[in-house]
Amino acid sequence: MTPSARPGRPEPWWLEPGGEPCETCLMVHLDELLSHCEGCDAAVCTTCLIEVRERSLRLCPACAEAFG
């Protein structure tokens, strides 16, 4: 039993095993916590995601660098 688990209650959804790795930092995150790059459709966590506000884009670091 994990420290946050209480008898008779399910684990919080963000502690469940599984998920998809962020293609930038390679940390595994649940699908609900990932975004996808609008340039290359790579899975990107919210820590690695770069927002280009002038164009309303969400990009991975590689696409943001190429975008300029």
Protein backbone atom coordinates (compact mmCIF):
# COMPACT_ATOMS: atom_id res chain seq x y z
CA MET A 1 0.00 0.00 0.00
CA THR A 2 1.37 3.40 -0.89
CA PRO A 3 1.53 6.13 1.78
CA SER A 4 -1.39 8.01 0.18
CA ALA A 5 -3.64 4.95 -0.04
CA ARG A 6 -6.42 4.60 2.50
CA PRO A 7 -8.20 1.32 3.18
CA GLY A 8 -11.41 1.06 1.18
CA ARG A 9 -10.59 3.97 -1.14
CA PRO A 10 -9.11 3.73 -4.63
CA GLU A 11 -5.74 5.25 -5.48
CA PRO A 12 -5.86 8.75 -7.01
CA TRP A 13 -5.91 8.57 -10.81
CA TRP A 14 -2.54 10.31 -11.14
CA LEU A 15 -0.83 7.52 -9.16
CA GLU A 16 -2.11 4.71 -11.35
CA PRO A 17 0.55 2.80 -13.32
CA GLY A 18 0.87 3.25 -17.06
CA GLY A 19 0.84 6.26 -19.28
CA GLU A 20 2.94 7.65 -22.08
CA PRO A 21 6.46 9.12 -21.93
CA CYS A 22 7.11 12.76 -22.72
CA GLU A 23 9.29 12.69 -25.82
CA THR A 24 11.45 15.53 -24.48
CA CYS A 25 12.24 14.57 -20.86
CA LEU A 26 11.23 10.87 -21.13
CA MET A 27 9.25 10.98 -17.86
CA VAL A 28 6.14 8.79 -17.96
CA HIS A 29 2.90 10.72 -17.42
CA LEU A 30 -0.73 9.69 -17.53
CA ASP A 31 -2.50 10.72 -20.72
CA GLU A 32 -4.54 13.34 -18.85
CA LEU A 33 -1.32 15.21 -18.01
CA LEU A 34 0.16 15.26 -21.51
CA SER A 35 -0.32 17.67 -24.38
CA HIS A 36 0.68 17.14 -27.98
CA CYS A 37 2.91 19.39 -30.03
CA GLU A 38 0.98 21.20 -32.73
CA GLY A 39 4.01 21.01 -35.02
CA CYS A 40 4.94 17.32 -34.91
CA ASP A 41 2.21 15.71 -32.73
CA ALA A 42 4.77 14.48 -30.16
CA ALA A 43 3.58 13.79 -26.61
CA VAL A 44 4.88 16.60 -24.39
CA CYS A 45 4.42 17.10 -20.64
CA THR A 46 3.32 20.47 -19.34
CA THR A 47 6.82 21.15 -17.99
CA CYS A 48 8.46 20.77 -21.43
CA LEU A 49 5.64 22.38 -23.45
CA ILE A 50 6.41 25.81 -24.91
CA GLU A 51 3.56 28.18 -25.69
CA VAL A 52 4.01 30.67 -28.51
CA ARG A 53 1.39 33.21 -27.50
CA GLU A 54 1.73 35.40 -30.59
CA ARG A 55 0.44 32.54 -32.72
CA SER A 56 -1.50 30.56 -30.06
CA LEU A 57 0.68 27.48 -30.56
CA ARG A 58 1.78 24.74 -28.15
CA LEU A 59 5.07 23.27 -29.29
CA CYS A 60 7.73 20.83 -28.14
CA PRO A 61 11.18 22.38 -27.61
CA ALA A 62 12.48 21.09 -30.98
CA CYS A 63 9.60 22.63 -32.96
CA ALA A 64 9.79 25.85 -30.92
CA GLU A 65 13.48 26.16 -31.80
CA ALA A 66 12.75 25.53 -35.50
CA PHE A 67 9.85 28.00 -35.36
CA GLY A 68 12.25 30.68 -34.20
